[in-house]
Structure formats: C-alpha cells, structure tokens
C-alpha cells in the first residue's frame, strides 16, 4: 500500500475519471442482444455429460461414430450414426 497525504487513494484523478466516464461504449450494438437461439436438448445433453464425467476409453465408448452439426441446421445438433441418442457424451 502506498503512503499518500490524501484522504483517498484516488484523490487527484478527477480529470482521468471524467475522461473515462464520457468514453462511448466500445462494444458493438449487437453484443447487447441477450436473446440467443439455442437447442435445449443439446444443452441438457451437455450438462448430463458434464455431470457424468469423462468416459472410460477401455469400454469402447469413443466418439468415433458421432456427427456434430455446429452451424445450427434443422437437424437438431449432435446425432449418432449407429446408436441410441441416450448414450451420447
């Protein structure tokens, strides 16, 4: 802690404080949009997989047969090519 002869450590910074106060918001306008489209099914599956923890690779449960749609198509997200959808992680 610095020793200063003032009541507050920020004393004497009024000019800098006023400059920062009047700076326009640097973020783009669309960054304030909180209405983000998402798939609840994919999010629930991700939470479930996170809670279950990492899979044991010796049980043959690798992710080699999983196709993930990341560009938001109508397919609904991740889909397994050869198995049930309940065991995906």
PDB file of N, CA and C in Angstrom:
ATOM      1  N   UNK A   1       0.840  -1.164   0.000  1.00  0.00           N
ATOM      2  CA  UNK A   1       0.000   0.000   0.000  1.00  0.00           C
ATOM      3  C   UNK A   1       0.894   1.238   0.000  1.00  0.00           C
ATOM      4  N   UNK A   2       0.584   2.174  -0.895  1.00  0.00           N
ATOM      5  CA  UNK A   2       1.368   3.400  -0.983  1.00  0.00           C
ATOM      6  C   UNK A   2       0.942   4.369   0.101  1.00  0.00           C
ATOM      7  N   UNK A   3       1.899   5.163   0.561  1.00  0.00           N
ATOM      8  CA  UNK A   3       1.575   6.197   1.543  1.00  0.00           C
ATOM      9  C   UNK A   3       1.319   7.494   0.804  1.00  0.00           C
ATOM     10  N   UNK A   4       0.140   8.050   1.019  1.00  0.00           N
ATOM     11  CA  UNK A   4      -0.229   9.311   0.380  1.00  0.00           C
ATOM     12  C   UNK A   4      -0.737  10.277   1.440  1.00  0.00           C
ATOM     13  N   UNK A   5      -0.599  11.530   1.159  1.00  0.00           N
ATOM     14  CA  UNK A   5      -1.034  12.564   2.072  1.00  0.00           C
ATOM     15  C   UNK A   5      -2.440  13.039   1.693  1.00  0.00           C
ATOM     16  N   UNK A   6      -3.329  12.103   1.369  1.00  0.00           N
ATOM     17  CA  UNK A   6      -4.698  12.438   0.992  1.00  0.00           C
ATOM     18  C   UNK A   6      -5.656  11.521   1.727  1.00  0.00           C
ATOM     19  N   UNK A   7      -6.937  11.860   1.658  1.00  0.00           N
ATOM     20  CA  UNK A   7      -7.950  11.043   2.335  1.00  0.00           C
ATOM     21  C   UNK A   7      -8.167   9.736   1.589  1.00  0.00           C
ATOM     22  N   UNK A   8      -8.231   9.809   0.256  1.00  0.00           N
ATOM     23  CA  UNK A   8      -8.479   8.616  -0.546  1.00  0.00           C
ATOM     24  C   UNK A   8      -7.333   8.403  -1.529  1.00  0.00           C
ATOM     25  N   UNK A   9      -7.086   7.147  -1.897  1.00  0.00           N
ATOM     26  CA  UNK A   9      -6.009   6.849  -2.838  1.00  0.00           C
ATOM     27  C   UNK A   9      -6.322   7.376  -4.235  1.00  0.00           C
ATOM     28  N   UNK A  10      -7.599   7.585  -4.535  1.00  0.00           N
ATOM     29  CA  UNK A  10      -7.970   8.073  -5.858  1.00  0.00           C
ATOM     30  C   UNK A  10      -8.012   9.601  -5.937  1.00  0.00           C
ATOM     31  N   UNK A  11      -7.621  10.282  -4.902  1.00  0.00           N
ATOM     32  CA  UNK A  11      -7.658  11.744  -4.899  1.00  0.00           C
ATOM     33  C   UNK A  11      -6.705  12.288  -5.957  1.00  0.00           C
ATOM     34  N   UNK A  12      -7.161  13.297  -6.689  1.00  0.00           N
ATOM     35  CA  UNK A  12      -6.347  13.909  -7.724  1.00  0.00           C
ATOM     36  C   UNK A  12      -6.547  13.285  -9.093  1.00  0.00           C
ATOM     37  N   UNK A  13      -7.441  12.326  -9.222  1.00  0.00           N
ATOM     38  CA  UNK A  13      -7.679  11.666 -10.500  1.00  0.00           C
ATOM     39  C   UNK A  13      -8.984  12.114 -11.146  1.00  0.00           C
ATOM     40  N   UNK A  14      -9.468  13.290 -10.844  1.00  0.00           N
ATOM     41  CA  UNK A  14     -10.765  13.744 -11.363  1.00  0.00           C
ATOM     42  C   UNK A  14     -10.748  13.867 -12.878  1.00  0.00           C
ATOM     43  N   UNK A  15      -9.668  14.355 -13.443  1.00  0.00           N
ATOM     44  CA  UNK A  15      -9.604  14.526 -14.898  1.00  0.00           C
ATOM     45  C   UNK A  15      -9.675  13.173 -15.590  1.00  0.00           C
ATOM     46  N   UNK A  16      -8.888  12.206 -15.115  1.00  0.00           N
ATOM     47  CA  UNK A  16      -8.909  10.864 -15.713  1.00  0.00           C
ATOM     48  C   UNK A  16     -10.275  10.205 -15.532  1.00  0.00           C
ATOM     49  N   UNK A  17     -10.898  10.414 -14.379  1.00  0.00           N
ATOM     50  CA  UNK A  17     -12.217   9.843 -14.121  1.00  0.00           C
ATOM     51  C   UNK A  17     -13.252  10.417 -15.076  1.00  0.00           C
ATOM     52  N   UNK A  18     -13.206  11.723 -15.323  1.00  0.00           N
ATOM     53  CA  UNK A  18     -14.155  12.343 -16.249  1.00  0.00           C
ATOM     54  C   UNK A  18     -13.938  11.868 -17.677  1.00  0.00           C
ATOM     55  N   UNK A  19     -12.702  11.679 -18.077  1.00  0.00           N
ATOM     56  CA  UNK A  19     -12.413  11.196 -19.431  1.00  0.00           C
ATOM     57  C   UNK A  19     -12.987   9.796 -19.623  1.00  0.00           C
ATOM     58  N   UNK A  20     -12.764   8.927 -18.676  1.00  0.00           N
ATOM     59  CA  UNK A  20     -13.247   7.549 -18.787  1.00  0.00           C
ATOM     60  C   UNK A  20     -14.772   7.503 -18.720  1.00  0.00           C
ATOM     61  N   UNK A  21     -15.368   8.376 -17.937  1.00  0.00           N
ATOM     62  CA  UNK A  21     -16.818   8.398 -17.802  1.00  0.00           C
ATOM     63  C   UNK A  21     -17.498   8.733 -19.123  1.00  0.00           C
ATOM     64  N   UNK A  22     -16.893   9.570 -19.928  1.00  0.00           N
ATOM     65  CA  UNK A  22     -17.521  10.038 -21.161  1.00  0.00           C
ATOM     66  C   UNK A  22     -17.081   9.265 -22.402  1.00  0.00           C
ATOM     67  N   UNK A  23     -16.344   8.191 -22.234  1.00  0.00           N
ATOM     68  CA  UNK A  23     -15.950   7.361 -23.373  1.00  0.00           C
ATOM     69  C   UNK A  23     -17.172   6.562 -23.813  1.00  0.00           C
ATOM     70  N   UNK A  24     -17.391   6.486 -25.120  1.00  0.00           N
ATOM     71  CA  UNK A  24     -18.520   5.714 -25.627  1.00  0.00           C
ATOM     72  C   UNK A  24     -18.264   4.229 -25.421  1.00  0.00           C
ATOM     73  N   UNK A  25     -19.332   3.462 -25.432  1.00  0.00           N
ATOM     74  CA  UNK A  25     -19.246   2.023 -25.219  1.00  0.00           C
ATOM     75  C   UNK A  25     -18.457   1.389 -26.371  1.00  0.00           C
ATOM     76  N   UNK A  26     -17.360   0.692 -26.095  1.00  0.00           N
ATOM     77  CA  UNK A  26     -16.541   0.123 -27.167  1.00  0.00           C
ATOM     78  C   UNK A  26     -17.143  -1.136 -27.794  1.00  0.00           C
ATOM     79  N   UNK A  27     -18.194  -1.715 -27.190  1.00  0.00           N
ATOM     80  CA  UNK A  27     -18.778  -2.945 -27.710  1.00  0.00           C
ATOM     81  C   UNK A  27     -19.763  -2.630 -28.829  1.00  0.00           C
ATOM     82  N   UNK A  28     -19.857  -3.504 -29.840  1.00  0.00           N
ATOM     83  CA  UNK A  28     -20.855  -3.290 -30.900  1.00  0.00           C
ATOM     84  C   UNK A  28     -22.273  -3.380 -30.343  1.00  0.00           C
ATOM     85  N   UNK A  29     -23.219  -2.759 -31.021  1.00  0.00           N
ATOM     86  CA  UNK A  29     -24.598  -2.707 -30.547  1.00  0.00           C
ATOM     87  C   UNK A  29     -25.184  -4.112 -30.433  1.00  0.00           C
ATOM     88  N   UNK A  30     -24.898  -4.990 -31.391  1.00  0.00           N
ATOM     89  CA  UNK A  30     -25.494  -6.328 -31.377  1.00  0.00           C
ATOM     90  C   UNK A  30     -24.959  -7.203 -30.243  1.00  0.00           C
ATOM     91  N   UNK A  31     -23.896  -6.793 -29.573  1.00  0.00           N
ATOM     92  CA  UNK A  31     -23.376  -7.591 -28.461  1.00  0.00           C
ATOM     93  C   UNK A  31     -24.291  -7.527 -27.231  1.00  0.00           C
ATOM     94  N   UNK A  32     -25.205  -6.569 -27.200  1.00  0.00           N
ATOM     95  CA  UNK A  32     -26.136  -6.454 -26.079  1.00  0.00           C
ATOM     96  C   UNK A  32     -27.357  -7.354 -26.246  1.00  0.00           C
ATOM     97  N   UNK A  33     -27.473  -8.041 -27.381  1.00  0.00           N
ATOM     98  CA  UNK A  33     -28.606  -8.926 -27.638  1.00  0.00           C
ATOM     99  C   UNK A  33     -28.496 -10.152 -26.740  1.00  0.00           C
ATOM    100  N   UNK A  34     -29.440 -10.305 -25.828  1.00  0.00           N
ATOM    101  CA  UNK A  34     -29.432 -11.433 -24.894  1.00  0.00           C
ATOM    102  C   UNK A  34     -30.374 -12.545 -25.325  1.00  0.00           C
ATOM    103  N   UNK A  35     -31.048 -12.368 -26.461  1.00  0.00           N
ATOM    104  CA  UNK A  35     -31.984 -13.364 -26.969  1.00  0.00           C
ATOM    105  C   UNK A  35     -31.241 -14.261 -27.964  1.00  0.00           C
ATOM    106  N   UNK A  36     -30.554 -15.272 -27.449  1.00  0.00           N
ATOM    107  CA  UNK A  36     -29.725 -16.144 -28.261  1.00  0.00           C
ATOM    108  C   UNK A  36     -30.468 -17.462 -28.465  1.00  0.00           C
ATOM    109  N   UNK A  37     -30.617 -17.864 -29.721  1.00  0.00           N
ATOM    110  CA  UNK A  37     -31.300 -19.124 -30.035  1.00  0.00           C
ATOM    111  C   UNK A  37     -30.384 -20.294 -29.682  1.00  0.00           C
ATOM    112  N   UNK A  38     -30.936 -21.310 -29.057  1.00  0.00           N
ATOM    113  CA  UNK A  38     -30.157 -22.481 -28.691  1.00  0.00           C
ATOM    114  C   UNK A  38     -31.062 -23.697 -28.673  1.00  0.00           C
ATOM    115  N   UNK A  39     -30.450 -24.848 -28.666  1.00  0.00           N
ATOM    116  CA  UNK A  39     -31.182 -26.101 -28.610  1.00  0.00           C
ATOM    117  C   UNK A  39     -31.163 -26.599 -27.170  1.00  0.00           C
ATOM    118  N   UNK A  40     -32.334 -26.649 -26.548  1.00  0.00           N
ATOM    119  CA  UNK A  40     -32.423 -27.110 -25.161  1.00  0.00           C
ATOM    120  C   UNK A  40     -32.019 -28.561 -25.017  1.00  0.00           C
ATOM    121  N   UNK A  41     -32.316 -29.369 -26.027  1.00  0.00           N
ATOM    122  CA  UNK A  41     -31.947 -30.784 -25.978  1.00  0.00           C
ATOM    123  C   UNK A  41     -30.431 -30.948 -25.956  1.00  0.00           C
ATOM    124  N   UNK A  42     -29.737 -30.191 -26.799  1.00  0.00           N
ATOM    125  CA  UNK A  42     -28.269 -30.271 -26.834  1.00  0.00           C
ATOM    126  C   UNK A  42     -27.670 -29.777 -25.524  1.00  0.00           C
ATOM    127  N   UNK A  43     -28.241 -28.702 -24.969  1.00  0.00           N
ATOM    128  CA  UNK A  43     -27.710 -28.165 -23.718  1.00  0.00           C
ATOM    129  C   UNK A  43     -27.927 -29.140 -22.568  1.00  0.00           C
ATOM    130  N   UNK A  44     -29.103 -29.781 -22.525  1.00  0.00           N
ATOM    131  CA  UNK A  44     -29.378 -30.760 -21.469  1.00  0.00           C
ATOM    132  C   UNK A  44     -28.421 -31.944 -21.586  1.00  0.00           C
ATOM    133  N   UNK A  45     -28.155 -32.383 -22.815  1.00  0.00           N
ATOM    134  CA  UNK A  45     -27.219 -33.489 -23.028  1.00  0.00           C
ATOM    135  C   UNK A  45     -25.801 -33.094 -22.590  1.00  0.00           C
ATOM    136  N   UNK A  46     -25.412 -31.854 -22.884  1.00  0.00           N
ATOM    137  CA  UNK A  46     -24.082 -31.394 -22.488  1.00  0.00           C
ATOM    138  C   UNK A  46     -23.946 -31.341 -20.970  1.00  0.00           C
ATOM    139  N   UNK A  47     -24.978 -30.865 -20.286  1.00  0.00           N
ATOM    140  CA  UNK A  47     -24.949 -30.823 -18.823  1.00  0.00           C
ATOM    141  C   UNK A  47     -24.876 -32.227 -18.255  1.00  0.00           C
ATOM    142  N   UNK A  48     -25.672 -33.140 -18.828  1.00  0.00           N
ATOM    143  CA  UNK A  48     -25.671 -34.526 -18.359  1.00  0.00           C
ATOM    144  C   UNK A  48     -24.293 -35.163 -18.550  1.00  0.00           C
ATOM    145  N   UNK A  49     -23.672 -34.931 -19.686  1.00  0.00           N
ATOM    146  CA  UNK A  49     -22.335 -35.481 -19.944  1.00  0.00           C
ATOM    147  C   UNK A  49     -21.297 -34.869 -19.006  1.00  0.00           C
ATOM    148  N   UNK A  50     -21.451 -33.575 -18.711  1.00  0.00           N
ATOM    149  CA  UNK A  50     -20.523 -32.928 -17.785  1.00  0.00           C
ATOM    150  C   UNK A  50     -20.657 -33.523 -16.393  1.00  0.00           C
ATOM    151  N   UNK A  51     -21.893 -33.787 -15.966  1.00  0.00           N
ATOM    152  CA  UNK A  51     -22.118 -34.333 -14.636  1.00  0.00           C
ATOM    153  C   UNK A  51     -21.620 -35.764 -14.525  1.00  0.00           C
ATOM    154  N   UNK A  52     -21.702 -36.531 -15.613  1.00  0.00           N
ATOM    155  CA  UNK A  52     -21.255 -37.924 -15.585  1.00  0.00           C
ATOM    156  C   UNK A  52     -19.732 -38.037 -15.586  1.00  0.00           C
ATOM    157  N   UNK A  53     -19.056 -37.031 -16.061  1.00  0.00           N
ATOM    158  CA  UNK A  53     -17.605 -37.053 -16.095  1.00  0.00           C
ATOM    159  C   UNK A  53     -17.085 -37.710 -17.359  1.00  0.00           C
ATOM    160  N   UNK A  54     -15.770 -37.798 -17.482  1.00  0.00           N
ATOM    161  CA  UNK A  54     -15.178 -38.383 -18.688  1.00  0.00           C
ATOM    162  C   UNK A  54     -15.463 -39.880 -18.780  1.00  0.00           C
ATOM    163  N   UNK A  55     -15.612 -40.339 -20.009  1.00  0.00           N
ATOM    164  CA  UNK A  55     -15.861 -41.758 -20.245  1.00  0.00           C
ATOM    165  C   UNK A  55     -14.568 -42.538 -20.129  1.00  0.00           C
ATOM    166  N   UNK A  56     -14.719 -43.791 -19.771  1.00  0.00           N
ATOM    167  CA  UNK A  56     -13.579 -44.698 -19.743  1.00  0.00           C
ATOM    168  C   UNK A  56     -13.378 -45.210 -21.163  1.00  0.00           C
ATOM    169  N   UNK A  57     -12.239 -44.921 -21.769  1.00  0.00           N
ATOM    170  CA  UNK A  57     -11.979 -45.291 -23.156  1.00  0.00           C
ATOM    171  C   UNK A  57     -11.861 -46.802 -23.336  1.00  0.00           C
ATOM    172  N   UNK A  58     -11.584 -47.561 -22.279  1.00  0.00           N
ATOM    173  CA  UNK A  58     -11.429 -49.003 -22.419  1.00  0.00           C
ATOM    174  C   UNK A  58     -12.766 -49.700 -22.640  1.00  0.00           C
ATOM    175  N   UNK A  59     -13.892 -49.022 -22.369  1.00  0.00           N
ATOM    176  CA  UNK A  59     -15.197 -49.646 -22.537  1.00  0.00           C
ATOM    177  C   UNK A  59     -15.709 -49.532 -23.968  1.00  0.00           C
ATOM    178  N   UNK A  60     -14.914 -48.954 -24.850  1.00  0.00           N
ATOM    179  CA  UNK A  60     -15.323 -48.850 -26.241  1.00  0.00           C
ATOM    180  C   UNK A  60     -16.326 -47.745 -26.491  1.00  0.00           C
ATOM    181  N   UNK A  61     -16.415 -46.780 -25.620  1.00  0.00           N
ATOM    182  CA  UNK A  61     -17.385 -45.701 -25.761  1.00  0.00           C
ATOM    183  C   UNK A  61     -16.796 -44.463 -26.398  1.00  0.00           C
ATOM    184  N   UNK A  62     -15.956 -44.626 -27.387  1.00  0.00           N
ATOM    185  CA  UNK A  62     -15.330 -43.482 -28.037  1.00  0.00           C
ATOM    186  C   UNK A  62     -16.330 -42.678 -28.837  1.00  0.00           C
ATOM    187  N   UNK A  63     -15.906 -41.539 -29.338  1.00  0.00           N
ATOM    188  CA  UNK A  63     -16.805 -40.664 -30.084  1.00  0.00           C
ATOM    189  C   UNK A  63     -16.567 -40.778 -31.579  1.00  0.00           C
ATOM    190  N   UNK A  64     -16.166 -41.951 -32.076  1.00  0.00           N
ATOM    191  CA  UNK A  64     -15.852 -42.077 -33.493  1.00  0.00           C
ATOM    192  C   UNK A  64     -17.102 -42.083 -34.356  1.00  0.00           C
ATOM    193  N   UNK A  65     -18.271 -42.447 -33.830  1.00  0.00           N
ATOM    194  CA  UNK A  65     -19.477 -42.513 -34.632  1.00  0.00           C
ATOM    195  C   UNK A  65     -20.425 -41.359 -34.405  1.00  0.00           C
ATOM    196  N   UNK A  66     -19.932 -40.206 -33.936  1.00  0.00           N
ATOM    197  CA  UNK A  66     -20.798 -39.080 -33.626  1.00  0.00           C
ATOM    198  C   UNK A  66     -20.564 -37.972 -34.640  1.00  0.00           C
ATOM    199  N   UNK A  67     -21.651 -37.459 -35.205  1.00  0.00           N
ATOM    200  CA  UNK A  67     -21.578 -36.340 -36.121  1.00  0.00           C
ATOM    201  C   UNK A  67     -22.197 -35.135 -35.427  1.00  0.00           C
ATOM    202  N   UNK A  68     -21.473 -34.019 -35.376  1.00  0.00           N
ATOM    203  CA  UNK A  68     -21.960 -32.831 -34.685  1.00  0.00           C
ATOM    204  C   UNK A  68     -22.249 -31.748 -35.716  1.00  0.00           C
ATOM    205  N   UNK A  69     -23.463 -31.213 -35.682  1.00  0.00           N
ATOM    206  CA  UNK A  69     -23.861 -30.127 -36.553  1.00  0.00           C
ATOM    207  C   UNK A  69     -23.669 -28.831 -35.785  1.00  0.00           C
ATOM    208  N   UNK A  70     -22.666 -28.020 -36.156  1.00  0.00           N
ATOM    209  CA  UNK A  70     -22.365 -26.809 -35.400  1.00  0.00           C
ATOM    210  C   UNK A  70     -22.901 -25.548 -36.051  1.00  0.00           C
ATOM    211  N   UNK A  71     -23.501 -25.630 -37.224  1.00  0.00           N
ATOM    212  CA  UNK A  71     -23.977 -24.421 -37.879  1.00  0.00           C
ATOM    213  C   UNK A  71     -25.473 -24.229 -37.735  1.00  0.00           C
ATOM    214  N   UNK A  72     -26.105 -24.836 -36.734  1.00  0.00           N
ATOM    215  CA  UNK A  72     -27.484 -24.552 -36.386  1.00  0.00           C
ATOM    216  C   UNK A  72     -28.511 -25.002 -37.406  1.00  0.00           C
ATOM    217  N   UNK A  73     -28.252 -26.056 -38.133  1.00  0.00           N
ATOM    218  CA  UNK A  73     -29.214 -26.545 -39.116  1.00  0.00           C
ATOM    219  C   UNK A  73     -30.436 -27.145 -38.442  1.00  0.00           C
ATOM    220  N   UNK A  74     -31.387 -27.582 -39.230  1.00  0.00           N
ATOM    221  CA  UNK A  74     -32.634 -28.116 -38.706  1.00  0.00           C
ATOM    222  C   UNK A  74     -32.475 -29.515 -38.139  1.00  0.00           C
ATOM    223  N   UNK A  75     -31.275 -30.088 -38.223  1.00  0.00           N
ATOM    224  CA  UNK A  75     -31.054 -31.438 -37.741  1.00  0.00           C
ATOM    225  C   UNK A  75     -31.123 -31.564 -36.242  1.00  0.00           C
ATOM    226  N   UNK A  76     -30.996 -30.487 -35.493  1.00  0.00           N
ATOM    227  CA  UNK A  76     -31.150 -30.533 -34.058  1.00  0.00           C
ATOM    228  C   UNK A  76     -29.881 -30.795 -33.289  1.00  0.00           C
ATOM    229  N   UNK A  77     -28.717 -30.743 -33.919  1.00  0.00           N
ATOM    230  CA  UNK A  77     -27.476 -30.864 -33.163  1.00  0.00           C
ATOM    231  C   UNK A  77     -26.760 -32.157 -33.409  1.00  0.00           C
ATOM    232  N   UNK A  78     -26.280 -32.765 -32.331  1.00  0.00           N
ATOM    233  CA  UNK A  78     -25.466 -33.960 -32.449  1.00  0.00           C
ATOM    234  C   UNK A  78     -26.346 -35.175 -32.709  1.00  0.00           C
ATOM    235  N   UNK A  79     -25.873 -36.037 -33.545  1.00  0.00           N
ATOM    236  CA  UNK A  79     -26.618 -37.257 -33.804  1.00  0.00           C
ATOM    237  C   UNK A  79     -25.657 -38.406 -33.963  1.00  0.00           C
ATOM    238  N   UNK A  80     -26.012 -39.544 -33.421  1.00  0.00           N
ATOM    239  CA  UNK A  80     -25.166 -40.718 -33.540  1.00  0.00           C
ATOM    240  C   UNK A  80     -25.558 -41.471 -34.804  1.00  0.00           C
ATOM    241  N   UNK A  81     -24.559 -41.923 -35.505  1.00  0.00           N
ATOM    242  CA  UNK A  81     -24.845 -42.621 -36.748  1.00  0.00           C
ATOM    243  C   UNK A  81     -25.309 -44.036 -36.518  1.00  0.00           C
ATOM    244  N   UNK A  82     -24.885 -44.668 -35.429  1.00  0.00           N
ATOM    245  CA  UNK A  82     -25.222 -46.071 -35.287  1.00  0.00           C
ATOM    246  C   UNK A  82     -25.847 -46.480 -33.986  1.00  0.00           C
ATOM    247  N   UNK A  83     -26.149 -45.551 -33.066  1.00  0.00           N
ATOM    248  CA  UNK A  83     -26.648 -45.980 -31.761  1.00  0.00           C
ATOM    249  C   UNK A  83     -27.773 -45.111 -31.276  1.00  0.00           C
ATOM    250  N   UNK A  84     -28.218 -45.411 -30.059  1.00  0.00           N
ATOM    251  CA  UNK A  84     -29.278 -44.630 -29.445  1.00  0.00           C
ATOM    252  C   UNK A  84     -28.777 -43.280 -29.006  1.00  0.00           C
ATOM    253  N   UNK A  85     -29.686 -42.307 -28.893  1.00  0.00           N
ATOM    254  CA  UNK A  85     -29.264 -40.949 -28.547  1.00  0.00           C
ATOM    255  C   UNK A  85     -29.071 -40.772 -27.058  1.00  0.00           C
ATOM    256  N   UNK A  86     -29.472 -41.751 -26.237  1.00  0.00           N
ATOM    257  CA  UNK A  86     -29.363 -41.592 -24.798  1.00  0.00           C
ATOM    258  C   UNK A  86     -27.967 -41.792 -24.266  1.00  0.00           C
ATOM    259  N   UNK A  87     -27.062 -42.394 -25.025  1.00  0.00           N
ATOM    260  CA  UNK A  87     -25.743 -42.702 -24.505  1.00  0.00           C
ATOM    261  C   UNK A  87     -24.654 -41.829 -25.103  1.00  0.00           C
ATOM    262  N   UNK A  88     -25.009 -40.702 -25.692  1.00  0.00           N
ATOM    263  CA  UNK A  88     -24.006 -39.831 -26.295  1.00  0.00           C
ATOM    264  C   UNK A  88     -23.376 -38.945 -25.241  1.00  0.00           C
ATOM    265  N   UNK A  89     -22.067 -38.845 -25.267  1.00  0.00           N
ATOM    266  CA  UNK A  89     -21.347 -37.894 -24.420  1.00  0.00           C
ATOM    267  C   UNK A  89     -20.035 -37.565 -25.060  1.00  0.00           C
TER     268      UNK A  89
END
